[in-house]
Amino acid sequence: MEFIIGILGLILWVWALIKILGSSASTMSKILWILLVLILPIIGFIIWFFAGPK
């Protein structure tokens, strides 16, 4: 069960990074979002999902 949760977390993390890099946000904004997602993987993803650049 932990393996499945870990794989799901990894997929969401990679998806968030791809979406951040592909967004039209400024470079500094992208860097800050990437750092947030890298430092706080689950919480950072949730924050990005609701408040990140659209």
Protein backbone atom coordinates (compact mmCIF):
# COMPACT_ATOMS: atom_id res chain seq x y z
CA MET A 1 0.00 0.00 0.00
CA GLU A 2 2.83 2.42 0.83
CA PHE A 3 4.38 1.69 -2.55
CA ILE A 4 1.23 2.75 -4.38
CA ILE A 5 0.94 5.94 -2.33
CA GLY A 6 4.60 6.71 -3.01
CA ILE A 7 4.22 6.19 -6.76
CA LEU A 8 1.07 8.36 -6.80
CA GLY A 9 2.93 11.09 -4.90
CA LEU A 10 5.82 10.92 -7.36
CA ILE A 11 3.48 11.17 -10.34
CA LEU A 12 1.71 14.20 -8.86
CA TRP A 13 5.05 15.82 -8.04
CA VAL A 14 6.35 15.38 -11.61
CA TRP A 15 3.03 16.57 -13.06
CA ALA A 16 3.18 19.74 -10.91
CA LEU A 17 6.75 20.47 -12.02
CA ILE A 18 5.82 20.06 -15.69
CA LYS A 19 2.78 22.32 -15.29
CA ILE A 20 4.84 24.95 -13.45
CA LEU A 21 7.53 24.98 -16.12
CA GLY A 22 4.92 25.19 -18.89
CA SER A 23 2.96 28.04 -17.31
CA SER A 24 3.11 31.62 -18.53
CA ALA A 25 4.20 32.91 -15.12
CA SER A 26 7.36 34.93 -14.69
CA THR A 27 10.67 33.15 -14.26
CA MET A 28 10.96 34.20 -10.62
CA SER A 29 7.47 32.96 -9.89
CA LYS A 30 8.28 29.61 -11.51
CA ILE A 31 11.44 29.28 -9.43
CA LEU A 32 9.57 30.01 -6.21
CA TRP A 33 6.81 27.50 -7.02
CA ILE A 34 9.36 24.83 -7.95
CA LEU A 35 11.25 25.41 -4.69
CA LEU A 36 8.02 25.14 -2.72
CA VAL A 37 7.08 21.87 -4.42
CA LEU A 38 10.60 20.48 -3.99
CA ILE A 39 10.97 21.43 -0.33
CA LEU A 40 7.42 20.49 0.75
CA PRO A 41 6.32 17.83 -1.75
CA ILE A 42 2.77 17.06 -0.56
CA ILE A 43 1.88 20.37 1.06
CA GLY A 44 3.61 22.30 -1.73
CA PHE A 45 1.62 20.39 -4.34
CA ILE A 46 -1.65 21.14 -2.57
CA ILE A 47 -0.81 24.84 -2.24
CA TRP A 48 0.26 24.99 -5.88
CA PHE A 49 -2.90 23.18 -7.02
CA PHE A 50 -5.19 25.75 -5.38
CA ALA A 51 -3.10 28.94 -5.61
CA GLY A 52 -0.55 28.37 -8.37
CA PRO A 53 -0.38 30.11 -11.71
CA LYS A 54 -3.21 29.11 -14.01
